[in-house]
């Protein structure tokens, strides 16, 4: 299974609780933090929800 490298590039301050929850669910707590996640439909949906806050590399 492929993996995605997700980096938080903008802060979650001022965002809705749903967006903050998506970021926490992916393990992104601070700016410029990078996590490696499995490429699943659930993770893709979370990334789409906060696409303007993160950078994704395959």
PDB file of N, CA and C in Angstrom:
ATOM      1  N   UNK A   1       0.842  -1.180   0.000  1.00  0.00           N
ATOM      2  CA  UNK A   1       0.000   0.000   0.000  1.00  0.00           C
ATOM      3  C   UNK A   1       0.887   1.243   0.000  1.00  0.00           C
ATOM      4  N   UNK A   2       0.535   2.220  -0.788  1.00  0.00           N
ATOM      5  CA  UNK A   2       1.348   3.426  -0.877  1.00  0.00           C
ATOM      6  C   UNK A   2       1.137   4.318   0.335  1.00  0.00           C
ATOM      7  N   UNK A   3       2.045   5.266   0.481  1.00  0.00           N
ATOM      8  CA  UNK A   3       1.995   6.168   1.623  1.00  0.00           C
ATOM      9  C   UNK A   3       1.984   7.611   1.150  1.00  0.00           C
ATOM     10  N   UNK A   4       1.456   8.480   1.991  1.00  0.00           N
ATOM     11  CA  UNK A   4       1.411   9.906   1.722  1.00  0.00           C
ATOM     12  C   UNK A   4       2.195  10.634   2.801  1.00  0.00           C
ATOM     13  N   UNK A   5       2.967  11.619   2.388  1.00  0.00           N
ATOM     14  CA  UNK A   5       3.710  12.459   3.320  1.00  0.00           C
ATOM     15  C   UNK A   5       2.942  13.780   3.419  1.00  0.00           C
ATOM     16  N   UNK A   6       2.372  14.056   4.585  1.00  0.00           N
ATOM     17  CA  UNK A   6       1.506  15.214   4.774  1.00  0.00           C
ATOM     18  C   UNK A   6       2.184  16.191   5.730  1.00  0.00           C
ATOM     19  N   UNK A   7       2.285  17.462   5.315  1.00  0.00           N
ATOM     20  CA  UNK A   7       2.919  18.497   6.123  1.00  0.00           C
ATOM     21  C   UNK A   7       1.928  19.621   6.369  1.00  0.00           C
ATOM     22  N   UNK A   8       1.804  20.054   7.614  1.00  0.00           N
ATOM     23  CA  UNK A   8       0.938  21.180   7.964  1.00  0.00           C
ATOM     24  C   UNK A   8       1.688  22.467   7.657  1.00  0.00           C
ATOM     25  N   UNK A   9       1.177  23.280   6.727  1.00  0.00           N
ATOM     26  CA  UNK A   9       1.870  24.501   6.322  1.00  0.00           C
ATOM     27  C   UNK A   9       1.199  25.765   6.850  1.00  0.00           C
ATOM     28  N   UNK A  10      -0.063  25.686   7.253  1.00  0.00           N
ATOM     29  CA  UNK A  10      -0.758  26.833   7.830  1.00  0.00           C
ATOM     30  C   UNK A  10      -1.371  26.419   9.157  1.00  0.00           C
ATOM     31  N   UNK A  11      -1.465  27.354  10.059  1.00  0.00           N
ATOM     32  CA  UNK A  11      -1.981  27.083  11.393  1.00  0.00           C
ATOM     33  C   UNK A  11      -3.480  26.782  11.364  1.00  0.00           C
ATOM     34  N   UNK A  12      -3.932  26.053  12.371  1.00  0.00           N
ATOM     35  CA  UNK A  12      -5.358  25.733  12.472  1.00  0.00           C
ATOM     36  C   UNK A  12      -6.120  26.775  13.286  1.00  0.00           C
ATOM     37  N   UNK A  13      -5.435  27.817  13.726  1.00  0.00           N
ATOM     38  CA  UNK A  13      -6.098  28.875  14.494  1.00  0.00           C
ATOM     39  C   UNK A  13      -7.158  29.539  13.617  1.00  0.00           C
ATOM     40  N   UNK A  14      -8.354  29.664  14.136  1.00  0.00           N
ATOM     41  CA  UNK A  14      -9.437  30.310  13.408  1.00  0.00           C
ATOM     42  C   UNK A  14     -10.238  29.361  12.536  1.00  0.00           C
ATOM     43  N   UNK A  15      -9.845  28.094  12.476  1.00  0.00           N
ATOM     44  CA  UNK A  15     -10.566  27.114  11.669  1.00  0.00           C
ATOM     45  C   UNK A  15     -11.677  26.486  12.502  1.00  0.00           C
ATOM     46  N   UNK A  16     -12.598  25.817  11.826  1.00  0.00           N
ATOM     47  CA  UNK A  16     -13.713  25.170  12.525  1.00  0.00           C
ATOM     48  C   UNK A  16     -13.218  23.965  13.329  1.00  0.00           C
ATOM     49  N   UNK A  17     -14.043  23.518  14.253  1.00  0.00           N
ATOM     50  CA  UNK A  17     -13.687  22.367  15.087  1.00  0.00           C
ATOM     51  C   UNK A  17     -13.550  21.099  14.253  1.00  0.00           C
ATOM     52  N   UNK A  18     -14.322  20.974  13.178  1.00  0.00           N
ATOM     53  CA  UNK A  18     -14.219  19.806  12.305  1.00  0.00           C
ATOM     54  C   UNK A  18     -12.845  19.750  11.641  1.00  0.00           C
ATOM     55  N   UNK A  19     -12.351  20.890  11.183  1.00  0.00           N
ATOM     56  CA  UNK A  19     -11.035  20.923  10.545  1.00  0.00           C
ATOM     57  C   UNK A  19      -9.937  20.632  11.563  1.00  0.00           C
ATOM     58  N   UNK A  20     -10.067  21.186  12.753  1.00  0.00           N
ATOM     59  CA  UNK A  20      -9.081  20.911  13.800  1.00  0.00           C
ATOM     60  C   UNK A  20      -9.088  19.430  14.155  1.00  0.00           C
ATOM     61  N   UNK A  21     -10.266  18.828  14.168  1.00  0.00           N
ATOM     62  CA  UNK A  21     -10.375  17.405  14.447  1.00  0.00           C
ATOM     63  C   UNK A  21      -9.708  16.555  13.386  1.00  0.00           C
ATOM     64  N   UNK A  22      -9.856  16.950  12.123  1.00  0.00           N
ATOM     65  CA  UNK A  22      -9.201  16.225  11.033  1.00  0.00           C
ATOM     66  C   UNK A  22      -7.688  16.295  11.181  1.00  0.00           C
ATOM     67  N   UNK A  23      -7.178  17.473  11.510  1.00  0.00           N
ATOM     68  CA  UNK A  23      -5.735  17.630  11.678  1.00  0.00           C
ATOM     69  C   UNK A  23      -5.228  16.793  12.847  1.00  0.00           C
ATOM     70  N   UNK A  24      -5.954  16.814  13.957  1.00  0.00           N
ATOM     71  CA  UNK A  24      -5.549  16.008  15.111  1.00  0.00           C
ATOM     72  C   UNK A  24      -5.612  14.522  14.794  1.00  0.00           C
ATOM     73  N   UNK A  25      -6.627  14.121  14.042  1.00  0.00           N
ATOM     74  CA  UNK A  25      -6.771  12.723  13.658  1.00  0.00           C
ATOM     75  C   UNK A  25      -5.622  12.233  12.793  1.00  0.00           C
ATOM     76  N   UNK A  26      -5.037  13.137  12.018  1.00  0.00           N
ATOM     77  CA  UNK A  26      -3.889  12.778  11.197  1.00  0.00           C
ATOM     78  C   UNK A  26      -2.573  12.933  11.949  1.00  0.00           C
ATOM     79  N   UNK A  27      -2.626  13.491  13.150  1.00  0.00           N
ATOM     80  CA  UNK A  27      -1.408  13.662  13.945  1.00  0.00           C
ATOM     81  C   UNK A  27      -0.677  14.953  13.687  1.00  0.00           C
ATOM     82  N   UNK A  28      -1.345  15.912  13.043  1.00  0.00           N
ATOM     83  CA  UNK A  28      -0.721  17.205  12.755  1.00  0.00           C
ATOM     84  C   UNK A  28      -1.100  18.196  13.846  1.00  0.00           C
ATOM     85  N   UNK A  29      -0.155  18.491  14.728  1.00  0.00           N
ATOM     86  CA  UNK A  29      -0.442  19.345  15.874  1.00  0.00           C
ATOM     87  C   UNK A  29       0.225  20.705  15.778  1.00  0.00           C
ATOM     88  N   UNK A  30       1.354  20.798  15.099  1.00  0.00           N
ATOM     89  CA  UNK A  30       2.084  22.060  14.994  1.00  0.00           C
ATOM     90  C   UNK A  30       2.427  22.337  13.544  1.00  0.00           C
ATOM     91  N   UNK A  31       2.657  23.607  13.241  1.00  0.00           N
ATOM     92  CA  UNK A  31       3.055  23.996  11.893  1.00  0.00           C
ATOM     93  C   UNK A  31       4.369  23.341  11.514  1.00  0.00           C
ATOM     94  N   UNK A  32       4.487  22.997  10.234  1.00  0.00           N
ATOM     95  CA  UNK A  32       5.671  22.367   9.650  1.00  0.00           C
ATOM     96  C   UNK A  32       5.916  20.947  10.153  1.00  0.00           C
ATOM     97  N   UNK A  33       4.966  20.363  10.867  1.00  0.00           N
ATOM     98  CA  UNK A  33       5.091  18.966  11.275  1.00  0.00           C
ATOM     99  C   UNK A  33       4.712  18.081  10.099  1.00  0.00           C
ATOM    100  N   UNK A  34       5.464  17.015   9.894  1.00  0.00           N
ATOM    101  CA  UNK A  34       5.231  16.094   8.791  1.00  0.00           C
ATOM    102  C   UNK A  34       4.937  14.707   9.336  1.00  0.00           C
ATOM    103  N   UNK A  35       3.922  14.067   8.777  1.00  0.00           N
ATOM    104  CA  UNK A  35       3.582  12.693   9.141  1.00  0.00           C
ATOM    105  C   UNK A  35       3.461  11.865   7.868  1.00  0.00           C
ATOM    106  N   UNK A  36       3.724  10.574   7.998  1.00  0.00           N
ATOM    107  CA  UNK A  36       3.569   9.641   6.879  1.00  0.00           C
ATOM    108  C   UNK A  36       2.363   8.771   7.189  1.00  0.00           C
ATOM    109  N   UNK A  37       1.381   8.801   6.285  1.00  0.00           N
ATOM    110  CA  UNK A  37       0.127   8.087   6.487  1.00  0.00           C
ATOM    111  C   UNK A  37      -0.124   7.135   5.330  1.00  0.00           C
ATOM    112  N   UNK A  38      -0.869   6.068   5.594  1.00  0.00           N
ATOM    113  CA  UNK A  38      -1.261   5.143   4.533  1.00  0.00           C
ATOM    114  C   UNK A  38      -2.272   5.826   3.625  1.00  0.00           C
ATOM    115  N   UNK A  39      -2.217   5.500   2.348  1.00  0.00           N
ATOM    116  CA  UNK A  39      -3.113   6.097   1.357  1.00  0.00           C
ATOM    117  C   UNK A  39      -4.430   5.319   1.339  1.00  0.00           C
ATOM    118  N   UNK A  40      -5.383   5.747   2.177  1.00  0.00           N
ATOM    119  CA  UNK A  40      -6.697   5.126   2.237  1.00  0.00           C
ATOM    120  C   UNK A  40      -7.759   6.162   1.887  1.00  0.00           C
ATOM    121  N   UNK A  41      -8.960   5.725   1.525  1.00  0.00           N
ATOM    122  CA  UNK A  41     -10.026   6.684   1.224  1.00  0.00           C
ATOM    123  C   UNK A  41     -10.360   7.585   2.413  1.00  0.00           C
ATOM    124  N   UNK A  42     -10.240   7.056   3.638  1.00  0.00           N
ATOM    125  CA  UNK A  42     -10.532   7.860   4.826  1.00  0.00           C
ATOM    126  C   UNK A  42      -9.526   8.997   4.979  1.00  0.00           C
ATOM    127  N   UNK A  43      -8.256   8.678   4.797  1.00  0.00           N
ATOM    128  CA  UNK A  43      -7.210   9.695   4.910  1.00  0.00           C
ATOM    129  C   UNK A  43      -7.337  10.715   3.781  1.00  0.00           C
ATOM    130  N   UNK A  44      -7.647  10.251   2.576  1.00  0.00           N
ATOM    131  CA  UNK A  44      -7.851  11.176   1.442  1.00  0.00           C
ATOM    132  C   UNK A  44      -8.991  12.155   1.736  1.00  0.00           C
ATOM    133  N   UNK A  45     -10.058  11.669   2.345  1.00  0.00           N
ATOM    134  CA  UNK A  45     -11.172  12.545   2.697  1.00  0.00           C
ATOM    135  C   UNK A  45     -10.770  13.591   3.716  1.00  0.00           C
ATOM    136  N   UNK A  46      -9.963  13.189   4.700  1.00  0.00           N
ATOM    137  CA  UNK A  46      -9.487  14.142   5.706  1.00  0.00           C
ATOM    138  C   UNK A  46      -8.585  15.197   5.069  1.00  0.00           C
ATOM    139  N   UNK A  47      -7.742  14.760   4.136  1.00  0.00           N
ATOM    140  CA  UNK A  47      -6.849  15.692   3.450  1.00  0.00           C
ATOM    141  C   UNK A  47      -7.657  16.670   2.603  1.00  0.00           C
ATOM    142  N   UNK A  48      -8.687  16.193   1.921  1.00  0.00           N
ATOM    143  CA  UNK A  48      -9.526  17.074   1.107  1.00  0.00           C
ATOM    144  C   UNK A  48     -10.217  18.125   1.961  1.00  0.00           C
ATOM    145  N   UNK A  49     -10.583  17.762   3.178  1.00  0.00           N
ATOM    146  CA  UNK A  49     -11.262  18.693   4.079  1.00  0.00           C
ATOM    147  C   UNK A  49     -10.358  19.862   4.464  1.00  0.00           C
ATOM    148  N   UNK A  50      -9.048  19.595   4.612  1.00  0.00           N
ATOM    149  CA  UNK A  50      -8.109  20.632   5.062  1.00  0.00           C
ATOM    150  C   UNK A  50      -7.024  20.893   4.013  1.00  0.00           C
ATOM    151  N   UNK A  51      -7.378  20.748   2.742  1.00  0.00           N
ATOM    152  CA  UNK A  51      -6.406  20.854   1.654  1.00  0.00           C
ATOM    153  C   UNK A  51      -5.693  22.203   1.622  1.00  0.00           C
ATOM    154  N   UNK A  52      -6.359  23.274   2.064  1.00  0.00           N
ATOM    155  CA  UNK A  52      -5.758  24.594   2.035  1.00  0.00           C
ATOM    156  C   UNK A  52      -4.756  24.807   3.171  1.00  0.00           C
ATOM    157  N   UNK A  53      -4.662  23.852   4.092  1.00  0.00           N
ATOM    158  CA  UNK A  53      -3.749  23.967   5.232  1.00  0.00           C
ATOM    159  C   UNK A  53      -2.544  23.031   5.137  1.00  0.00           C
ATOM    160  N   UNK A  54      -2.590  22.064   4.242  1.00  0.00           N
ATOM    161  CA  UNK A  54      -1.544  21.037   4.205  1.00  0.00           C
ATOM    162  C   UNK A  54      -0.894  20.939   2.820  1.00  0.00           C
ATOM    163  N   UNK A  55       0.288  20.325   2.816  1.00  0.00           N
ATOM    164  CA  UNK A  55       0.999  19.992   1.573  1.00  0.00           C
ATOM    165  C   UNK A  55       1.149  18.479   1.554  1.00  0.00           C
ATOM    166  N   UNK A  56       0.835  17.846   0.424  1.00  0.00           N
ATOM    167  CA  UNK A  56       0.839  16.391   0.332  1.00  0.00           C
ATOM    168  C   UNK A  56       1.843  15.962  -0.739  1.00  0.00           C
ATOM    169  N   UNK A  57       2.686  14.975  -0.377  1.00  0.00           N
ATOM    170  CA  UNK A  57       3.625  14.388  -1.316  1.00  0.00           C
ATOM    171  C   UNK A  57       3.372  12.891  -1.339  1.00  0.00           C
ATOM    172  N   UNK A  58       3.419  12.294  -2.521  1.00  0.00           N
ATOM    173  CA  UNK A  58       3.180  10.856  -2.616  1.00  0.00           C
ATOM    174  C   UNK A  58       4.489  10.093  -2.592  1.00  0.00           C
TER     175      UNK A  58
END
